[in-house]
Amino acid sequence: LKGKGSKYRIVPIGSLLRQNLTEYLTYRNKLKSINSFLFL
């Protein structure tokens, strides 16, 4: 994550968030968007 003052930090992804991210990325990847951001 890029926080205030352009400081980066690493945050764990929990098991439940991982499940939701995996499901969402299935739809996200089908868009074949050239946009690099996770949430569109």
All heavy atoms as atom14 arrays in JSON, in Angstrom:
{
  "sequence": "LKGKGSKYRIVPIGSLLRQNLTEYLTYRNKLKSINSFLFL",
  "atom14_mask": [
    [1, 1, 1, 1, 1, 1, 1, 1, 0, 0, 0, 0, 0, 0],
    [1, 1, 1, 1, 1, 1, 1, 1, 1, 0, 0, 0, 0, 0],
    [1, 1, 1, 1, 0, 0, 0, 0, 0, 0, 0, 0, 0, 0],
    [1, 1, 1, 1, 1, 1, 1, 1, 1, 0, 0, 0, 0, 0],
    [1, 1, 1, 1, 0, 0, 0, 0, 0, 0, 0, 0, 0, 0],
    [1, 1, 1, 1, 1, 1, 0, 0, 0, 0, 0, 0, 0, 0],
    [1, 1, 1, 1, 1, 1, 1, 1, 1, 0, 0, 0, 0, 0],
    [1, 1, 1, 1, 1, 1, 1, 1, 1, 1, 1, 1, 0, 0],
    [1, 1, 1, 1, 1, 1, 1, 1, 1, 1, 1, 0, 0, 0],
    [1, 1, 1, 1, 1, 1, 1, 1, 0, 0, 0, 0, 0, 0],
    [1, 1, 1, 1, 1, 1, 1, 0, 0, 0, 0, 0, 0, 0],
    [1, 1, 1, 1, 1, 1, 1, 0, 0, 0, 0, 0, 0, 0],
    [1, 1, 1, 1, 1, 1, 1, 1, 0, 0, 0, 0, 0, 0],
    [1, 1, 1, 1, 0, 0, 0, 0, 0, 0, 0, 0, 0, 0],
    [1, 1, 1, 1, 1, 1, 0, 0, 0, 0, 0, 0, 0, 0],
    [1, 1, 1, 1, 1, 1, 1, 1, 0, 0, 0, 0, 0, 0],
    [1, 1, 1, 1, 1, 1, 1, 1, 0, 0, 0, 0, 0, 0],
    [1, 1, 1, 1, 1, 1, 1, 1, 1, 1, 1, 0, 0, 0],
    [1, 1, 1, 1, 1, 1, 1, 1, 1, 0, 0, 0, 0, 0],
    [1, 1, 1, 1, 1, 1, 1, 1, 0, 0, 0, 0, 0, 0],
    [1, 1, 1, 1, 1, 1, 1, 1, 0, 0, 0, 0, 0, 0],
    [1, 1, 1, 1, 1, 1, 1, 0, 0, 0, 0, 0, 0, 0],
    [1, 1, 1, 1, 1, 1, 1, 1, 1, 0, 0, 0, 0, 0],
    [1, 1, 1, 1, 1, 1, 1, 1, 1, 1, 1, 1, 0, 0],
    [1, 1, 1, 1, 1, 1, 1, 1, 0, 0, 0, 0, 0, 0],
    [1, 1, 1, 1, 1, 1, 1, 0, 0, 0, 0, 0, 0, 0],
    [1, 1, 1, 1, 1, 1, 1, 1, 1, 1, 1, 1, 0, 0],
    [1, 1, 1, 1, 1, 1, 1, 1, 1, 1, 1, 0, 0, 0],
    [1, 1, 1, 1, 1, 1, 1, 1, 0, 0, 0, 0, 0, 0],
    [1, 1, 1, 1, 1, 1, 1, 1, 1, 0, 0, 0, 0, 0],
    [1, 1, 1, 1, 1, 1, 1, 1, 0, 0, 0, 0, 0, 0],
    [1, 1, 1, 1, 1, 1, 1, 1, 1, 0, 0, 0, 0, 0],
    [1, 1, 1, 1, 1, 1, 0, 0, 0, 0, 0, 0, 0, 0],
    [1, 1, 1, 1, 1, 1, 1, 1, 0, 0, 0, 0, 0, 0],
    [1, 1, 1, 1, 1, 1, 1, 1, 0, 0, 0, 0, 0, 0],
    [1, 1, 1, 1, 1, 1, 0, 0, 0, 0, 0, 0, 0, 0],
    [1, 1, 1, 1, 1, 1, 1, 1, 1, 1, 1, 0, 0, 0],
    [1, 1, 1, 1, 1, 1, 1, 1, 0, 0, 0, 0, 0, 0],
    [1, 1, 1, 1, 1, 1, 1, 1, 1, 1, 1, 0, 0, 0],
    [1, 1, 1, 1, 1, 1, 1, 1, 0, 0, 0, 0, 0, 0]
  ],
  "atom14_positions": [
    [[0.84, -1.2, 0.0], [0.0, 0.0, 0.0], [0.87, 1.25, 0.0], [1.89, 1.3, 0.7], [-0.91, 0.02, 1.24], [-1.9, -1.13, 1.39], [-2.59, -1.06, 2.74], [-2.93, -1.12, 0.26], [0.0, 0.0, 0.0], [0.0, 0.0, 0.0], [0.0, 0.0, 0.0], [0.0, 0.0, 0.0], [0.0, 0.0, 0.0], [0.0, 0.0, 0.0]],
    [[0.45, 2.24, -0.77], [1.15, 3.52, -0.79], [0.36, 4.5, 0.05], [-0.73, 4.92, -0.3], [1.28, 4.05, -2.23], [2.06, 5.34, -2.34], [2.17, 5.78, -3.8], [2.97, 7.06, -3.93], [3.05, 7.52, -5.34], [0.0, 0.0, 0.0], [0.0, 0.0, 0.0], [0.0, 0.0, 0.0], [0.0, 0.0, 0.0], [0.0, 0.0, 0.0]],
    [[0.9, 4.86, 1.22], [0.2, 5.71, 2.15], [0.56, 7.17, 2.04], [1.07, 7.62, 1.01], [0.0, 0.0, 0.0], [0.0, 0.0, 0.0], [0.0, 0.0, 0.0], [0.0, 0.0, 0.0], [0.0, 0.0, 0.0], [0.0, 0.0, 0.0], [0.0, 0.0, 0.0], [0.0, 0.0, 0.0], [0.0, 0.0, 0.0], [0.0, 0.0, 0.0]],
    [[0.32, 7.92, 3.11], [0.6, 9.35, 3.13], [2.1, 9.59, 2.99], [2.92, 8.82, 3.5], [0.1, 9.98, 4.44], [-1.42, 10.05, 4.54], [-1.84, 10.76, 5.81], [-3.35, 10.95, 5.87], [-3.77, 11.65, 7.1], [0.0, 0.0, 0.0], [0.0, 0.0, 0.0], [0.0, 0.0, 0.0], [0.0, 0.0, 0.0], [0.0, 0.0, 0.0]],
    [[2.44, 10.67, 2.29], [3.84, 10.99, 2.09], [4.57, 9.99, 1.21], [5.79, 9.86, 1.28], [0.0, 0.0, 0.0], [0.0, 0.0, 0.0], [0.0, 0.0, 0.0], [0.0, 0.0, 0.0], [0.0, 0.0, 0.0], [0.0, 0.0, 0.0], [0.0, 0.0, 0.0], [0.0, 0.0, 0.0], [0.0, 0.0, 0.0], [0.0, 0.0, 0.0]],
    [[3.81, 9.28, 0.38], [4.37, 8.26, -0.54], [5.15, 7.18, 0.2], [6.11, 6.62, -0.33], [5.28, 8.94, -1.59], [4.54, 9.83, -2.39], [0.0, 0.0, 0.0], [0.0, 0.0, 0.0], [0.0, 0.0, 0.0], [0.0, 0.0, 0.0], [0.0, 0.0, 0.0], [0.0, 0.0, 0.0], [0.0, 0.0, 0.0], [0.0, 0.0, 0.0]],
    [[4.73, 6.9, 1.44], [5.37, 5.84, 2.21], [4.65, 4.51, 1.94], [3.43, 4.43, 2.0], [5.32, 6.16, 3.71], [6.15, 7.38, 4.1], [6.04, 7.65, 5.6], [6.85, 8.88, 5.99], [6.72, 9.19, 7.43], [0.0, 0.0, 0.0], [0.0, 0.0, 0.0], [0.0, 0.0, 0.0], [0.0, 0.0, 0.0], [0.0, 0.0, 0.0]],
    [[5.45, 3.48, 1.66], [4.88, 2.17, 1.36], [4.89, 1.29, 2.61], [5.78, 1.4, 3.46], [5.69, 1.48, 0.26], [5.49, 2.1, -1.11], [6.3, 3.14, -1.55], [4.48, 1.63, -1.97], [6.12, 3.71, -2.8], [4.29, 2.2, -3.21], [5.11, 3.23, -3.63], [4.92, 3.8, -4.86], [0.0, 0.0, 0.0], [0.0, 0.0, 0.0]],
    [[3.9, 0.41, 2.69], [3.9, -0.59, 3.76], [3.3, -1.88, 3.22], [2.55, -1.87, 2.22], [3.1, -0.11, 4.98], [1.6, -0.01, 4.81], [0.96, 0.55, 6.08], [-0.49, 0.56, 6.05], [-1.23, 1.48, 5.42], [-0.64, 2.47, 4.78], [-2.56, 1.41, 5.45], [0.0, 0.0, 0.0], [0.0, 0.0, 0.0], [0.0, 0.0, 0.0]],
    [[3.64, -2.97, 3.85], [3.14, -4.28, 3.46], [2.08, -4.72, 4.47], [2.31, -4.66, 5.68], [4.29, -5.32, 3.42], [5.37, -4.89, 2.43], [3.74, -6.7, 3.08], [4.89, -4.82, 1.0], [0.0, 0.0, 0.0], [0.0, 0.0, 0.0], [0.0, 0.0, 0.0], [0.0, 0.0, 0.0], [0.0, 0.0, 0.0], [0.0, 0.0, 0.0]],
    [[0.93, -5.13, 3.97], [-0.17, -5.58, 4.83], [-0.57, -7.0, 4.43], [-0.71, -7.29, 3.23], [-1.39, -4.64, 4.7], [-2.58, -5.18, 5.47], [-1.03, -3.24, 5.21], [0.0, 0.0, 0.0], [0.0, 0.0, 0.0], [0.0, 0.0, 0.0], [0.0, 0.0, 0.0], [0.0, 0.0, 0.0], [0.0, 0.0, 0.0], [0.0, 0.0, 0.0]],
    [[-0.75, -7.89, 5.39], [-1.16, -9.27, 5.08], [-2.56, -9.32, 4.46], [-3.41, -8.48, 4.78], [-1.14, -9.98, 6.43], [-0.37, -9.09, 7.34], [-0.56, -7.69, 6.84], [0.0, 0.0, 0.0], [0.0, 0.0, 0.0], [0.0, 0.0, 0.0], [0.0, 0.0, 0.0], [0.0, 0.0, 0.0], [0.0, 0.0, 0.0], [0.0, 0.0, 0.0]],
    [[-2.78, -10.28, 3.61], [-4.1, -10.55, 3.06], [-4.66, -11.76, 3.81], [-4.12, -12.87, 3.71], [-4.05, -10.84, 1.54], [-3.61, -9.58, 0.79], [-5.41, -11.33, 1.04], [-3.41, -9.8, -0.7], [0.0, 0.0, 0.0], [0.0, 0.0, 0.0], [0.0, 0.0, 0.0], [0.0, 0.0, 0.0], [0.0, 0.0, 0.0], [0.0, 0.0, 0.0]],
    [[-5.73, -11.55, 4.56], [-6.34, -12.64, 5.31], [-7.04, -13.64, 4.41], [-7.29, -13.38, 3.23], [0.0, 0.0, 0.0], [0.0, 0.0, 0.0], [0.0, 0.0, 0.0], [0.0, 0.0, 0.0], [0.0, 0.0, 0.0], [0.0, 0.0, 0.0], [0.0, 0.0, 0.0], [0.0, 0.0, 0.0], [0.0, 0.0, 0.0], [0.0, 0.0, 0.0]],
    [[-7.39, -14.79, 4.98], [-7.97, -15.89, 4.19], [-9.3, -15.51, 3.54], [-9.57, -15.85, 2.39], [-8.16, -17.12, 5.07], [-8.99, -16.82, 6.19], [0.0, 0.0, 0.0], [0.0, 0.0, 0.0], [0.0, 0.0, 0.0], [0.0, 0.0, 0.0], [0.0, 0.0, 0.0], [0.0, 0.0, 0.0], [0.0, 0.0, 0.0], [0.0, 0.0, 0.0]],
    [[-10.16, -14.74, 4.28], [-11.47, -14.38, 3.73], [-11.32, -13.32, 2.64], [-12.02, -13.38, 1.61], [-12.38, -13.87, 4.85], [-12.72, -14.9, 5.93], [-13.6, -14.27, 7.01], [-13.42, -16.1, 5.32], [0.0, 0.0, 0.0], [0.0, 0.0, 0.0], [0.0, 0.0, 0.0], [0.0, 0.0, 0.0], [0.0, 0.0, 0.0], [0.0, 0.0, 0.0]],
    [[-10.42, -12.34, 2.84], [-10.18, -11.36, 1.79], [-9.57, -12.04, 0.57], [-9.9, -11.68, -0.57], [-9.25, -10.25, 2.3], [-8.84, -9.2, 1.26], [-10.07, -8.51, 0.65], [-7.91, -8.15, 1.89], [0.0, 0.0, 0.0], [0.0, 0.0, 0.0], [0.0, 0.0, 0.0], [0.0, 0.0, 0.0], [0.0, 0.0, 0.0], [0.0, 0.0, 0.0]],
    [[-8.72, -13.01, 0.79], [-8.1, -13.72, -0.33], [-9.17, -14.4, -1.19], [-9.1, -14.38, -2.42], [-7.1, -14.76, 0.19], [-6.24, -15.38, -0.91], [-5.33, -16.48, -0.36], [-4.31, -16.83, -1.32], [-4.52, -17.58, -2.41], [-5.74, -18.06, -2.66], [-3.53, -17.84, -3.24], [0.0, 0.0, 0.0], [0.0, 0.0, 0.0], [0.0, 0.0, 0.0]],
    [[-10.15, -15.01, -0.54], [-11.24, -15.65, -1.28], [-12.0, -14.64, -2.13], [-12.28, -14.89, -3.31], [-12.21, -16.33, -0.3], [-11.64, -17.54, 0.42], [-12.62, -18.1, 1.44], [-13.81, -17.85, 1.38], [-12.1, -18.85, 2.4], [0.0, 0.0, 0.0], [0.0, 0.0, 0.0], [0.0, 0.0, 0.0], [0.0, 0.0, 0.0], [0.0, 0.0, 0.0]],
    [[-12.32, -13.49, -1.53], [-13.07, -12.48, -2.28], [-12.24, -11.87, -3.4], [-12.75, -11.59, -4.49], [-13.56, -11.39, -1.32], [-14.74, -11.84, -0.49], [-15.58, -12.62, -0.96], [-14.83, -11.39, 0.75], [0.0, 0.0, 0.0], [0.0, 0.0, 0.0], [0.0, 0.0, 0.0], [0.0, 0.0, 0.0], [0.0, 0.0, 0.0], [0.0, 0.0, 0.0]],
    [[-10.95, -11.65, -3.15], [-10.07, -11.13, -4.2], [-9.98, -12.11, -5.37], [-10.02, -11.7, -6.54], [-8.67, -10.88, -3.63], [-8.42, -9.53, -2.97], [-7.08, -9.54, -2.25], [-8.47, -8.4, -3.99], [0.0, 0.0, 0.0], [0.0, 0.0, 0.0], [0.0, 0.0, 0.0], [0.0, 0.0, 0.0], [0.0, 0.0, 0.0], [0.0, 0.0, 0.0]],
    [[-9.87, -13.38, -5.06], [-9.78, -14.4, -6.11], [-11.03, -14.4, -6.98], [-10.96, -14.46, -8.21], [-9.55, -15.79, -5.49], [-8.35, -15.77, -4.7], [-9.43, -16.85, -6.57], [0.0, 0.0, 0.0], [0.0, 0.0, 0.0], [0.0, 0.0, 0.0], [0.0, 0.0, 0.0], [0.0, 0.0, 0.0], [0.0, 0.0, 0.0], [0.0, 0.0, 0.0]],
    [[-12.2, -14.33, -6.33], [-13.47, -14.28, -7.07], [-13.57, -13.03, -7.92], [-13.96, -13.06, -9.08], [-14.65, -14.33, -6.07], [-14.79, -15.64, -5.31], [-15.55, -16.68, -6.1], [-15.94, -16.4, -7.25], [-15.76, -17.77, -5.55], [0.0, 0.0, 0.0], [0.0, 0.0, 0.0], [0.0, 0.0, 0.0], [0.0, 0.0, 0.0], [0.0, 0.0, 0.0]],
    [[-13.21, -11.89, -7.31], [-13.29, -10.62, -8.03], [-12.33, -10.6, -9.22], [-12.67, -10.12, -10.31], [-12.98, -9.46, -7.09], [-12.71, -8.16, -7.8], [-13.71, -7.49, -8.51], [-11.42, -7.6, -7.81], [-13.45, -6.3, -9.19], [-11.15, -6.41, -8.48], [-12.18, -5.78, -9.17], [-11.91, -4.61, -9.85], [0.0, 0.0, 0.0], [0.0, 0.0, 0.0]],
    [[-11.12, -11.1, -9.03], [-10.12, -11.09, -10.1], [-10.55, -11.93, -11.29], [-10.11, -11.68, -12.41], [-8.77, -11.56, -9.56], [-8.04, -10.53, -8.69], [-6.83, -11.17, -8.0], [-7.6, -9.33, -9.51], [0.0, 0.0, 0.0], [0.0, 0.0, 0.0], [0.0, 0.0, 0.0], [0.0, 0.0, 0.0], [0.0, 0.0, 0.0], [0.0, 0.0, 0.0]],
    [[-11.41, -12.9, -11.05], [-11.96, -13.68, -12.17], [-12.72, -12.77, -13.12], [-12.58, -12.84, -14.34], [-12.88, -14.8, -11.65], [-12.15, -15.64, -10.77], [-13.44, -15.62, -12.81], [0.0, 0.0, 0.0], [0.0, 0.0, 0.0], [0.0, 0.0, 0.0], [0.0, 0.0, 0.0], [0.0, 0.0, 0.0], [0.0, 0.0, 0.0], [0.0, 0.0, 0.0]],
    [[-13.55, -11.89, -12.54], [-14.28, -10.9, -13.36], [-13.32, -9.83, -13.89], [-13.4, -9.43, -15.06], [-15.37, -10.22, -12.53], [-16.55, -11.09, -12.21], [-16.71, -11.63, -10.94], [-17.53, -11.36, -13.17], [-17.81, -12.42, -10.63], [-18.63, -12.16, -12.88], [-18.77, -12.68, -11.61], [-19.84, -13.46, -11.31], [0.0, 0.0, 0.0], [0.0, 0.0, 0.0]],
    [[-12.44, -9.38, -13.01], [-11.52, -8.3, -13.38], [-10.65, -8.69, -14.58], [-10.44, -7.89, -15.5], [-10.64, -7.97, -12.16], [-9.45, -7.03, -12.39], [-9.91, -5.63, -12.67], [-8.8, -4.71, -12.78], [-7.99, -4.61, -13.84], [-8.18, -5.4, -14.87], [-7.02, -3.72, -13.86], [0.0, 0.0, 0.0], [0.0, 0.0, 0.0], [0.0, 0.0, 0.0]],
    [[-10.17, -9.91, -14.6], [-9.29, -10.36, -15.68], [-10.02, -10.54, -17.0], [-9.43, -10.41, -18.08], [-8.59, -11.67, -15.28], [-7.63, -11.48, -14.11], [-7.13, -10.38, -13.89], [-7.39, -12.54, -13.35], [0.0, 0.0, 0.0], [0.0, 0.0, 0.0], [0.0, 0.0, 0.0], [0.0, 0.0, 0.0], [0.0, 0.0, 0.0], [0.0, 0.0, 0.0]],
    [[-11.32, -10.83, -16.92], [-12.11, -11.0, -18.15], [-12.3, -9.67, -18.89], [-12.62, -9.67, -20.08], [-13.48, -11.61, -17.81], [-13.43, -13.08, -17.43], [-14.82, -13.59, -17.09], [-14.77, -15.06, -16.67], [-16.13, -15.55, -16.29], [0.0, 0.0, 0.0], [0.0, 0.0, 0.0], [0.0, 0.0, 0.0], [0.0, 0.0, 0.0], [0.0, 0.0, 0.0]],
    [[-12.13, -8.57, -18.18], [-12.32, -7.26, -18.81], [-11.22, -6.96, -19.82], [-11.4, -6.14, -20.72], [-12.33, -6.15, -17.74], [-13.42, -6.23, -16.68], [-13.25, -5.09, -15.68], [-14.8, -6.16, -17.32], [0.0, 0.0, 0.0], [0.0, 0.0, 0.0], [0.0, 0.0, 0.0], [0.0, 0.0, 0.0], [0.0, 0.0, 0.0], [0.0, 0.0, 0.0]],
    [[-10.08, -7.61, -19.65], [-8.92, -7.38, -20.53], [-8.6, -5.89, -20.64], [-8.3, -5.37, -21.72], [-9.17, -7.98, -21.92], [-9.4, -9.48, -21.89], [-9.47, -10.07, -23.28], [-9.79, -11.56, -23.25], [-8.83, -12.34, -22.47], [0.0, 0.0, 0.0], [0.0, 0.0, 0.0], [0.0, 0.0, 0.0], [0.0, 0.0, 0.0], [0.0, 0.0, 0.0]],
    [[-8.74, -5.21, -19.51], [-8.47, -3.77, -19.47], [-6.98, -3.51, -19.39], [-6.23, -4.26, -18.75], [-9.17, -3.14, -18.26], [-8.78, -1.8, -18.1], [0.0, 0.0, 0.0], [0.0, 0.0, 0.0], [0.0, 0.0, 0.0], [0.0, 0.0, 0.0], [0.0, 0.0, 0.0], [0.0, 0.0, 0.0], [0.0, 0.0, 0.0], [0.0, 0.0, 0.0]],
    [[-6.53, -2.46, -20.07], [-5.12, -2.08, -20.0], [-4.84, -1.27, -18.73], [-3.7, -0.97, -18.42], [-4.69, -1.27, -21.25], [-5.51, 0.04, -21.33], [-4.84, -2.1, -22.51], [-5.03, 0.97, -22.42], [0.0, 0.0, 0.0], [0.0, 0.0, 0.0], [0.0, 0.0, 0.0], [0.0, 0.0, 0.0], [0.0, 0.0, 0.0], [0.0, 0.0, 0.0]],
    [[-5.91, -0.92, -18.01], [-5.77, -0.17, -16.76], [-5.11, -1.06, -15.72], [-5.49, -2.21, -15.54], [-7.15, 0.3, -16.29], [-7.07, 1.43, -15.29], [-6.34, 1.35, -14.32], [-7.83, 2.49, -15.54], [0.0, 0.0, 0.0], [0.0, 0.0, 0.0], [0.0, 0.0, 0.0], [0.0, 0.0, 0.0], [0.0, 0.0, 0.0], [0.0, 0.0, 0.0]],
    [[-4.14, -0.52, -15.01], [-3.36, -1.32, -14.05], [-3.94, -1.37, -12.65], [-3.47, -2.14, -11.81], [-1.92, -0.78, -13.97], [-1.92, 0.55, -13.45], [0.0, 0.0, 0.0], [0.0, 0.0, 0.0], [0.0, 0.0, 0.0], [0.0, 0.0, 0.0], [0.0, 0.0, 0.0], [0.0, 0.0, 0.0], [0.0, 0.0, 0.0], [0.0, 0.0, 0.0]],
    [[-4.97, -0.56, -12.39], [-5.5, -0.5, -11.03], [-6.37, -1.71, -10.71], [-7.06, -2.25, -11.57], [-6.28, 0.8, -10.82], [-5.41, 2.02, -10.85], [-5.32, 2.81, -11.99], [-4.63, 2.35, -9.75], [-4.5, 3.92, -12.03], [-3.8, 3.46, -9.78], [-3.73, 4.24, -10.93], [0.0, 0.0, 0.0], [0.0, 0.0, 0.0], [0.0, 0.0, 0.0]],
    [[-6.36, -2.11, -9.45], [-7.1, -3.29, -9.02], [-8.6, -3.09, -9.13], [-9.32, -3.91, -9.7], [-6.72, -3.64, -7.57], [-7.51, -4.76, -6.9], [-7.3, -6.08, -7.63], [-7.12, -4.89, -5.42], [0.0, 0.0, 0.0], [0.0, 0.0, 0.0], [0.0, 0.0, 0.0], [0.0, 0.0, 0.0], [0.0, 0.0, 0.0], [0.0, 0.0, 0.0]],
    [[-9.09, -1.98, -8.58], [-10.53, -1.73, -8.57], [-10.89, -0.74, -9.67], [-10.33, 0.36, -9.74], [-10.98, -1.21, -7.21], [-10.82, -2.23, -6.12], [-9.87, -2.07, -5.12], [-11.62, -3.37, -6.09], [-9.71, -3.0, -4.11], [-11.47, -4.33, -5.09], [-10.52, -4.14, -4.1], [0.0, 0.0, 0.0], [0.0, 0.0, 0.0], [0.0, 0.0, 0.0]],
    [[-11.83, -1.15, -10.51], [-12.21, -0.34, -11.67], [-13.67, 0.08, -11.59], [-14.5, -0.59, -10.99], [-11.98, -1.12, -12.97], [-10.56, -1.6, -13.25], [-10.51, -2.35, -14.58], [-9.57, -0.45, -13.25], [0.0, 0.0, 0.0], [0.0, 0.0, 0.0], [0.0, 0.0, 0.0], [0.0, 0.0, 0.0], [0.0, 0.0, 0.0], [0.0, 0.0, 0.0]]
  ]
}
